[in-house]
């Protein structure tokens, strides 16, 4: 597959895993738009790609805020053109949505130092759900429009 001059948008691109995806896509000649909640993390990955001879730019974006994604989309259109490939890599967990032990044991219910399934904070679960589901849905709604316009593209979740 040819990636030269294709625009690849990567959410969570300032992180370790998606940062590696970004660098690889940059090495193949793609224009890489790196979206991250932390602009400095996105810029750091972009600078590595640029220093290696590629084309990249970092953008601050919260994948849970469609208006931010739409604003960044306009910037990417100006900088690189339409999105050809979207990699939805933003995601994560929250301590309030995590149990202490990987497997449930009946005695965990009585141990106040242990967070069991029955102690999970709904706000933590909501955050994890929103980040991992809506954080994929919203970028797809914004960037897939480019793919519909020209009749091609790929989305990787």
N, C-alpha and C. Protein backbone atom coordinates (compact mmCIF):
# COMPACT_ATOMS: atom_id res chain seq x y z
N UNK A 1 0.83 -1.18 0.00
CA UNK A 1 0.00 0.00 0.00
C UNK A 1 0.88 1.25 0.00
N UNK A 2 0.46 2.25 -0.72
CA UNK A 2 1.22 3.49 -0.84
C UNK A 2 0.70 4.52 0.17
N UNK A 3 1.60 5.08 0.96
CA UNK A 3 1.21 6.06 1.96
C UNK A 3 1.74 7.46 1.66
N UNK A 4 2.58 7.58 0.65
CA UNK A 4 3.16 8.88 0.31
C UNK A 4 2.04 9.87 0.00
N UNK A 5 2.11 11.01 0.69
CA UNK A 5 1.14 12.10 0.54
C UNK A 5 -0.27 11.76 1.02
N UNK A 6 -0.45 10.66 1.70
CA UNK A 6 -1.72 10.35 2.34
C UNK A 6 -1.72 11.06 3.69
N UNK A 7 -2.88 11.50 4.13
CA UNK A 7 -2.98 12.15 5.43
C UNK A 7 -3.52 11.15 6.44
N UNK A 8 -2.73 10.94 7.48
CA UNK A 8 -3.08 10.01 8.55
C UNK A 8 -3.32 10.83 9.82
N UNK A 9 -4.50 10.68 10.38
CA UNK A 9 -4.86 11.35 11.63
C UNK A 9 -4.82 10.30 12.73
N UNK A 10 -4.07 10.59 13.80
CA UNK A 10 -3.92 9.62 14.88
C UNK A 10 -4.31 10.28 16.20
N UNK A 11 -5.39 9.77 16.82
CA UNK A 11 -5.76 10.28 18.14
C UNK A 11 -4.94 9.53 19.19
N UNK A 12 -4.58 10.23 20.23
CA UNK A 12 -3.71 9.63 21.24
C UNK A 12 -2.29 9.49 20.72
N UNK A 13 -1.97 10.24 19.68
CA UNK A 13 -0.69 10.11 18.99
C UNK A 13 0.53 10.55 19.78
N UNK A 14 0.33 11.20 20.90
CA UNK A 14 1.45 11.60 21.74
C UNK A 14 1.88 10.51 22.71
N UNK A 15 1.13 9.42 22.76
CA UNK A 15 1.45 8.31 23.66
C UNK A 15 2.46 7.36 23.06
N UNK A 16 2.85 6.37 23.82
CA UNK A 16 3.88 5.42 23.40
C UNK A 16 3.44 4.61 22.18
N UNK A 17 2.32 3.93 22.27
CA UNK A 17 1.87 3.05 21.20
C UNK A 17 1.52 3.83 19.94
N UNK A 18 0.65 4.82 20.08
CA UNK A 18 0.24 5.56 18.88
C UNK A 18 1.33 6.49 18.38
N UNK A 19 2.24 6.89 19.27
CA UNK A 19 3.41 7.64 18.83
C UNK A 19 4.27 6.79 17.90
N UNK A 20 4.38 5.50 18.21
CA UNK A 20 5.14 4.58 17.34
C UNK A 20 4.43 4.41 16.00
N UNK A 21 3.09 4.32 16.03
CA UNK A 21 2.33 4.25 14.78
C UNK A 21 2.60 5.49 13.94
N UNK A 22 2.57 6.65 14.60
CA UNK A 22 2.78 7.92 13.90
C UNK A 22 4.16 7.97 13.24
N UNK A 23 5.17 7.57 13.98
CA UNK A 23 6.54 7.59 13.43
C UNK A 23 6.66 6.64 12.25
N UNK A 24 6.02 5.49 12.36
CA UNK A 24 6.09 4.53 11.25
C UNK A 24 5.39 5.08 10.02
N UNK A 25 4.21 5.66 10.21
CA UNK A 25 3.49 6.23 9.08
C UNK A 25 4.30 7.37 8.46
N UNK A 26 4.95 8.16 9.30
CA UNK A 26 5.81 9.22 8.80
C UNK A 26 6.97 8.68 7.98
N UNK A 27 7.52 7.55 8.39
CA UNK A 27 8.64 6.94 7.66
C UNK A 27 8.21 6.41 6.29
N UNK A 28 6.90 6.20 6.12
CA UNK A 28 6.37 5.71 4.85
C UNK A 28 5.96 6.84 3.91
N UNK A 29 6.16 8.08 4.36
CA UNK A 29 5.86 9.23 3.52
C UNK A 29 4.50 9.86 3.75
N UNK A 30 3.77 9.40 4.75
CA UNK A 30 2.45 9.97 5.04
C UNK A 30 2.59 11.33 5.71
N UNK A 31 1.59 12.16 5.53
CA UNK A 31 1.44 13.38 6.31
C UNK A 31 0.74 12.95 7.60
N UNK A 32 1.37 13.19 8.73
CA UNK A 32 0.85 12.67 9.98
C UNK A 32 0.35 13.80 10.86
N UNK A 33 -0.96 13.75 11.15
CA UNK A 33 -1.59 14.70 12.07
C UNK A 33 -1.73 13.98 13.41
N UNK A 34 -1.02 14.47 14.39
CA UNK A 34 -0.96 13.81 15.69
C UNK A 34 -1.83 14.59 16.67
N UNK A 35 -2.92 13.96 17.10
CA UNK A 35 -3.84 14.58 18.05
C UNK A 35 -3.60 13.99 19.42
N UNK A 36 -3.53 14.88 20.41
CA UNK A 36 -3.36 14.42 21.78
C UNK A 36 -3.93 15.46 22.72
N UNK A 37 -4.37 15.02 23.86
CA UNK A 37 -4.86 15.94 24.88
C UNK A 37 -3.75 16.90 25.29
N UNK A 38 -2.53 16.41 25.28
CA UNK A 38 -1.36 17.22 25.65
C UNK A 38 -0.62 17.64 24.37
N UNK A 39 -0.72 18.91 24.04
CA UNK A 39 -0.10 19.42 22.81
C UNK A 39 1.40 19.15 22.79
N UNK A 40 2.05 19.30 23.94
CA UNK A 40 3.50 19.10 23.97
C UNK A 40 3.87 17.65 23.63
N UNK A 41 3.04 16.70 24.00
CA UNK A 41 3.30 15.29 23.65
C UNK A 41 3.12 15.08 22.15
N UNK A 42 2.08 15.69 21.57
CA UNK A 42 1.86 15.58 20.13
C UNK A 42 3.00 16.24 19.37
N UNK A 43 3.44 17.41 19.83
CA UNK A 43 4.54 18.12 19.17
C UNK A 43 5.85 17.34 19.25
N UNK A 44 6.09 16.67 20.36
CA UNK A 44 7.33 15.89 20.52
C UNK A 44 7.40 14.78 19.47
N UNK A 45 6.28 14.08 19.26
CA UNK A 45 6.25 13.01 18.25
C UNK A 45 6.38 13.62 16.86
N UNK A 46 5.69 14.72 16.61
CA UNK A 46 5.77 15.39 15.31
C UNK A 46 7.21 15.81 15.02
N UNK A 47 7.88 16.34 16.01
CA UNK A 47 9.27 16.78 15.81
C UNK A 47 10.19 15.61 15.48
N UNK A 48 9.95 14.46 16.09
CA UNK A 48 10.76 13.28 15.74
C UNK A 48 10.55 12.89 14.28
N UNK A 49 9.31 12.95 13.83
CA UNK A 49 9.01 12.61 12.43
C UNK A 49 9.66 13.62 11.49
N UNK A 50 9.53 14.90 11.82
CA UNK A 50 10.12 15.96 10.99
C UNK A 50 11.63 15.82 10.95
N UNK A 51 12.25 15.57 12.10
CA UNK A 51 13.72 15.41 12.16
C UNK A 51 14.21 14.20 11.37
N UNK A 52 13.32 13.23 11.15
CA UNK A 52 13.67 12.05 10.35
C UNK A 52 13.33 12.26 8.88
N UNK A 53 12.89 13.48 8.52
CA UNK A 53 12.61 13.79 7.12
C UNK A 53 11.15 13.67 6.71
N UNK A 54 10.26 13.45 7.68
CA UNK A 54 8.85 13.29 7.36
C UNK A 54 8.07 14.58 7.54
N UNK A 55 6.77 14.47 7.30
CA UNK A 55 5.85 15.60 7.46
C UNK A 55 4.86 15.27 8.57
N UNK A 56 4.79 16.14 9.57
CA UNK A 56 3.90 15.90 10.70
C UNK A 56 3.62 17.20 11.42
N UNK A 57 2.53 17.19 12.15
CA UNK A 57 2.19 18.33 13.00
C UNK A 57 1.38 17.83 14.18
N UNK A 58 1.63 18.41 15.34
CA UNK A 58 0.89 18.07 16.54
C UNK A 58 -0.27 19.03 16.76
N UNK A 59 -1.36 18.48 17.26
CA UNK A 59 -2.56 19.27 17.53
C UNK A 59 -3.10 18.89 18.90
N UNK A 60 -3.55 19.89 19.65
CA UNK A 60 -4.21 19.62 20.93
C UNK A 60 -5.67 19.32 20.63
N UNK A 61 -6.17 18.21 21.14
CA UNK A 61 -7.58 17.88 20.95
C UNK A 61 -8.03 16.91 22.02
N UNK A 62 -9.21 17.18 22.53
CA UNK A 62 -9.87 16.28 23.47
C UNK A 62 -10.87 15.48 22.66
N UNK A 63 -10.69 14.17 22.58
CA UNK A 63 -11.57 13.33 21.76
C UNK A 63 -13.00 13.26 22.29
N UNK A 64 -13.24 13.83 23.46
CA UNK A 64 -14.59 13.86 24.01
C UNK A 64 -15.31 15.18 23.73
N UNK A 65 -14.66 16.06 22.96
CA UNK A 65 -15.25 17.37 22.64
C UNK A 65 -15.29 17.54 21.12
N UNK A 66 -16.47 17.31 20.58
CA UNK A 66 -16.64 17.34 19.13
C UNK A 66 -16.25 18.70 18.54
N UNK A 67 -16.56 19.78 19.24
CA UNK A 67 -16.21 21.11 18.72
C UNK A 67 -14.70 21.27 18.58
N UNK A 68 -13.93 20.73 19.51
CA UNK A 68 -12.46 20.78 19.40
C UNK A 68 -12.00 19.96 18.20
N UNK A 69 -12.58 18.79 18.02
CA UNK A 69 -12.21 17.94 16.89
C UNK A 69 -12.55 18.62 15.56
N UNK A 70 -13.68 19.29 15.49
CA UNK A 70 -14.05 20.00 14.26
C UNK A 70 -13.09 21.14 13.96
N UNK A 71 -12.66 21.84 15.01
CA UNK A 71 -11.68 22.93 14.84
C UNK A 71 -10.35 22.37 14.33
N UNK A 72 -9.89 21.30 14.94
CA UNK A 72 -8.63 20.67 14.52
C UNK A 72 -8.77 20.12 13.10
N UNK A 73 -9.93 19.58 12.77
CA UNK A 73 -10.17 19.07 11.42
C UNK A 73 -9.93 20.16 10.39
N UNK A 74 -10.44 21.36 10.64
CA UNK A 74 -10.24 22.49 9.72
C UNK A 74 -8.76 22.82 9.58
N UNK A 75 -8.03 22.77 10.69
CA UNK A 75 -6.58 23.04 10.65
C UNK A 75 -5.86 21.98 9.81
N UNK A 76 -6.24 20.73 10.00
CA UNK A 76 -5.60 19.64 9.26
C UNK A 76 -5.91 19.76 7.77
N UNK A 77 -7.13 20.13 7.42
CA UNK A 77 -7.48 20.34 6.01
C UNK A 77 -6.56 21.38 5.38
N UNK A 78 -6.29 22.47 6.12
CA UNK A 78 -5.38 23.52 5.62
C UNK A 78 -3.95 23.01 5.53
N UNK A 79 -3.52 22.26 6.55
CA UNK A 79 -2.12 21.83 6.62
C UNK A 79 -1.79 20.67 5.67
N UNK A 80 -2.69 19.69 5.57
CA UNK A 80 -2.39 18.47 4.83
C UNK A 80 -3.46 18.03 3.84
N UNK A 81 -4.66 18.53 3.97
CA UNK A 81 -5.75 18.06 3.12
C UNK A 81 -6.60 17.05 3.85
N UNK A 82 -7.47 16.37 3.09
CA UNK A 82 -8.43 15.43 3.67
C UNK A 82 -7.76 14.26 4.37
N UNK A 83 -8.47 13.74 5.35
CA UNK A 83 -8.01 12.56 6.09
C UNK A 83 -8.22 11.32 5.24
N UNK A 84 -7.15 10.57 5.01
CA UNK A 84 -7.21 9.30 4.28
C UNK A 84 -7.31 8.12 5.23
N UNK A 85 -6.63 8.25 6.37
CA UNK A 85 -6.59 7.16 7.35
C UNK A 85 -6.78 7.77 8.73
N UNK A 86 -7.70 7.22 9.49
CA UNK A 86 -7.92 7.64 10.87
C UNK A 86 -7.56 6.47 11.78
N UNK A 87 -6.65 6.74 12.69
CA UNK A 87 -6.30 5.74 13.71
C UNK A 87 -6.81 6.27 15.04
N UNK A 88 -7.87 5.65 15.55
CA UNK A 88 -8.44 6.03 16.84
C UNK A 88 -7.66 5.31 17.94
N UNK A 89 -6.69 5.99 18.49
CA UNK A 89 -5.85 5.37 19.51
C UNK A 89 -5.99 5.96 20.89
N UNK A 90 -6.73 7.06 21.01
CA UNK A 90 -6.94 7.64 22.33
C UNK A 90 -7.79 6.69 23.16
N UNK A 91 -7.46 6.57 24.41
CA UNK A 91 -8.21 5.69 25.28
C UNK A 91 -7.49 5.56 26.61
N UNK A 92 -8.06 4.79 27.48
CA UNK A 92 -7.39 4.60 28.75
C UNK A 92 -8.31 4.09 29.83
N UNK A 93 -7.87 4.26 31.04
CA UNK A 93 -8.58 3.75 32.20
C UNK A 93 -8.64 4.86 33.24
N UNK A 94 -9.23 4.56 34.37
CA UNK A 94 -9.34 5.50 35.46
C UNK A 94 -9.29 4.70 36.75
N UNK A 95 -8.55 5.17 37.74
CA UNK A 95 -8.47 4.41 39.00
C UNK A 95 -9.85 4.16 39.63
N UNK A 96 -10.80 5.06 39.42
CA UNK A 96 -12.14 4.87 39.98
C UNK A 96 -12.92 3.78 39.24
N UNK A 97 -12.42 3.36 38.10
CA UNK A 97 -13.09 2.32 37.33
C UNK A 97 -12.33 1.00 37.35
N UNK A 98 -11.46 0.84 38.33
CA UNK A 98 -10.58 -0.33 38.38
C UNK A 98 -10.67 -1.01 39.75
N UNK A 99 -10.72 -2.33 39.73
CA UNK A 99 -10.71 -3.08 40.98
C UNK A 99 -9.28 -3.26 41.47
N UNK A 100 -9.14 -3.52 42.75
CA UNK A 100 -7.82 -3.75 43.34
C UNK A 100 -7.22 -5.05 42.81
N UNK A 101 -8.04 -6.10 42.81
CA UNK A 101 -7.58 -7.42 42.37
C UNK A 101 -8.15 -7.75 40.99
N UNK A 102 -7.36 -8.44 40.22
CA UNK A 102 -7.80 -8.82 38.88
C UNK A 102 -8.99 -9.77 38.92
N UNK A 103 -8.99 -10.68 39.88
CA UNK A 103 -10.07 -11.66 40.01
C UNK A 103 -10.80 -11.44 41.33
N UNK A 104 -12.10 -11.59 41.29
CA UNK A 104 -12.92 -11.41 42.48
C UNK A 104 -12.80 -12.59 43.43
N UNK A 105 -12.67 -12.25 44.71
CA UNK A 105 -12.71 -13.26 45.78
C UNK A 105 -13.80 -12.81 46.76
N UNK A 106 -14.57 -13.74 47.23
CA UNK A 106 -15.69 -13.45 48.11
C UNK A 106 -15.27 -12.59 49.32
N UNK A 107 -14.11 -12.87 49.87
CA UNK A 107 -13.65 -12.13 51.05
C UNK A 107 -13.33 -10.66 50.76
N UNK A 108 -13.20 -10.30 49.47
CA UNK A 108 -12.95 -8.91 49.10
C UNK A 108 -14.07 -7.98 49.54
N UNK A 109 -15.27 -8.51 49.60
CA UNK A 109 -16.43 -7.69 49.98
C UNK A 109 -16.27 -7.14 51.40
N UNK A 110 -15.67 -7.90 52.28
CA UNK A 110 -15.52 -7.50 53.68
C UNK A 110 -14.25 -6.69 53.95
N UNK A 111 -13.34 -6.69 53.00
CA UNK A 111 -12.06 -6.00 53.19
C UNK A 111 -12.18 -4.56 52.68
N UNK A 112 -12.17 -3.60 53.59
CA UNK A 112 -12.34 -2.19 53.22
C UNK A 112 -11.16 -1.63 52.43
N UNK A 113 -10.03 -2.31 52.47
CA UNK A 113 -8.86 -1.83 51.72
C UNK A 113 -8.88 -2.29 50.26
N UNK A 114 -9.85 -3.13 49.92
CA UNK A 114 -9.95 -3.69 48.57
C UNK A 114 -11.14 -3.07 47.85
N UNK A 115 -10.91 -2.64 46.62
CA UNK A 115 -11.99 -2.17 45.76
C UNK A 115 -12.41 -3.36 44.90
N UNK A 116 -13.63 -3.83 45.14
CA UNK A 116 -14.13 -4.96 44.35
C UNK A 116 -15.10 -4.43 43.29
N UNK A 117 -15.61 -5.32 42.49
CA UNK A 117 -16.61 -4.99 41.48
C UNK A 117 -17.76 -4.20 42.11
N UNK A 118 -18.15 -4.58 43.30
CA UNK A 118 -19.29 -3.98 43.98
C UNK A 118 -18.99 -2.59 44.53
N UNK A 119 -17.72 -2.20 44.55
CA UNK A 119 -17.31 -0.89 45.06
C UNK A 119 -16.99 0.11 43.95
N UNK A 120 -17.02 -0.33 42.72
CA UNK A 120 -16.63 0.56 41.63
C UNK A 120 -17.48 1.82 41.60
N UNK A 121 -16.83 2.93 41.39
CA UNK A 121 -17.48 4.24 41.34
C UNK A 121 -18.08 4.44 39.94
N UNK A 122 -19.39 4.63 39.85
CA UNK A 122 -20.00 4.82 38.53
C UNK A 122 -19.38 5.95 37.71
N UNK A 123 -18.88 7.00 38.38
CA UNK A 123 -18.25 8.10 37.63
C UNK A 123 -16.96 7.64 36.95
N UNK A 124 -16.24 6.72 37.60
CA UNK A 124 -15.03 6.17 37.00
C UNK A 124 -15.36 5.31 35.79
N UNK A 125 -16.39 4.49 35.93
CA UNK A 125 -16.83 3.64 34.81
C UNK A 125 -17.32 4.51 33.66
N UNK A 126 -18.06 5.56 33.98
CA UNK A 126 -18.56 6.48 32.95
C UNK A 126 -17.40 7.13 32.20
N UNK A 127 -16.38 7.57 32.94
CA UNK A 127 -15.22 8.19 32.29
C UNK A 127 -14.54 7.21 31.34
N UNK A 128 -14.33 5.99 31.80
CA UNK A 128 -13.67 4.98 30.96
C UNK A 128 -14.52 4.66 29.73
N UNK A 129 -15.82 4.51 29.91
CA UNK A 129 -16.70 4.25 28.79
C UNK A 129 -16.65 5.40 27.79
N UNK A 130 -16.81 6.62 28.28
CA UNK A 130 -16.79 7.77 27.38
C UNK A 130 -15.48 7.88 26.63
N UNK A 131 -14.37 7.75 27.33
CA UNK A 131 -13.07 7.87 26.67
C UNK A 131 -12.88 6.80 25.61
N UNK A 132 -13.24 5.59 25.91
CA UNK A 132 -12.97 4.49 24.99
C UNK A 132 -14.04 4.29 23.92
N UNK A 133 -15.28 4.69 24.18
CA UNK A 133 -16.33 4.55 23.16
C UNK A 133 -16.58 5.88 22.46
N UNK A 134 -16.98 6.90 23.21
CA UNK A 134 -17.24 8.20 22.58
C UNK A 134 -15.95 8.80 22.00
N UNK A 135 -14.82 8.49 22.62
CA UNK A 135 -13.54 8.97 22.12
C UNK A 135 -13.13 8.34 20.80
N UNK A 136 -13.86 7.33 20.38
CA UNK A 136 -13.69 6.72 19.06
C UNK A 136 -14.81 7.19 18.13
N UNK A 137 -16.01 7.26 18.66
CA UNK A 137 -17.17 7.68 17.86
C UNK A 137 -17.01 9.11 17.34
N UNK A 138 -16.69 10.05 18.22
CA UNK A 138 -16.64 11.45 17.81
C UNK A 138 -15.57 11.74 16.76
N UNK A 139 -14.32 11.28 16.92
CA UNK A 139 -13.35 11.51 15.85
C UNK A 139 -13.77 10.86 14.52
N UNK A 140 -14.42 9.71 14.61
CA UNK A 140 -14.88 9.04 13.39
C UNK A 140 -15.96 9.89 12.71
N UNK A 141 -16.88 10.44 13.49
CA UNK A 141 -17.90 11.29 12.91
C UNK A 141 -17.29 12.49 12.20
N UNK A 142 -16.24 13.06 12.76
CA UNK A 142 -15.62 14.25 12.18
C UNK A 142 -14.76 13.91 10.96
N UNK A 143 -13.87 12.94 11.08
CA UNK A 143 -12.89 12.70 10.02
C UNK A 143 -13.37 11.77 8.92
N UNK A 144 -14.34 10.92 9.19
CA UNK A 144 -14.84 10.02 8.15
C UNK A 144 -15.59 10.78 7.05
N UNK A 145 -16.02 11.99 7.35
CA UNK A 145 -16.69 12.79 6.32
C UNK A 145 -15.78 13.03 5.13
N UNK A 146 -14.48 13.19 5.38
CA UNK A 146 -13.52 13.35 4.28
C UNK A 146 -13.52 12.12 3.39
N UNK A 147 -13.56 10.97 4.00
CA UNK A 147 -13.50 9.71 3.26
C UNK A 147 -14.75 9.52 2.41
N UNK A 148 -15.88 9.94 2.92
CA UNK A 148 -17.13 9.84 2.16
C UNK A 148 -17.08 10.76 0.94
N UNK A 149 -16.51 11.95 1.13
CA UNK A 149 -16.43 12.92 0.03
C UNK A 149 -15.68 12.38 -1.18
N UNK A 150 -14.56 11.68 -0.95
CA UNK A 150 -13.79 11.19 -2.08
C UNK A 150 -13.90 9.67 -2.29
N UNK A 151 -14.71 9.00 -1.47
CA UNK A 151 -15.01 7.60 -1.71
C UNK A 151 -13.91 6.61 -1.36
N UNK A 152 -13.17 6.86 -0.29
CA UNK A 152 -12.15 5.92 0.12
C UNK A 152 -11.64 6.25 1.50
N UNK A 153 -10.72 5.45 1.98
CA UNK A 153 -10.13 5.71 3.29
C UNK A 153 -10.21 4.50 4.19
N UNK A 154 -9.56 4.61 5.34
CA UNK A 154 -9.54 3.53 6.32
C UNK A 154 -9.64 4.10 7.72
N UNK A 155 -10.34 3.37 8.56
CA UNK A 155 -10.45 3.73 9.98
C UNK A 155 -10.00 2.52 10.78
N UNK A 156 -9.06 2.76 11.67
CA UNK A 156 -8.52 1.71 12.53
C UNK A 156 -8.81 2.09 13.97
N UNK A 157 -9.52 1.23 14.69
CA UNK A 157 -9.83 1.50 16.09
C UNK A 157 -9.02 0.58 16.98
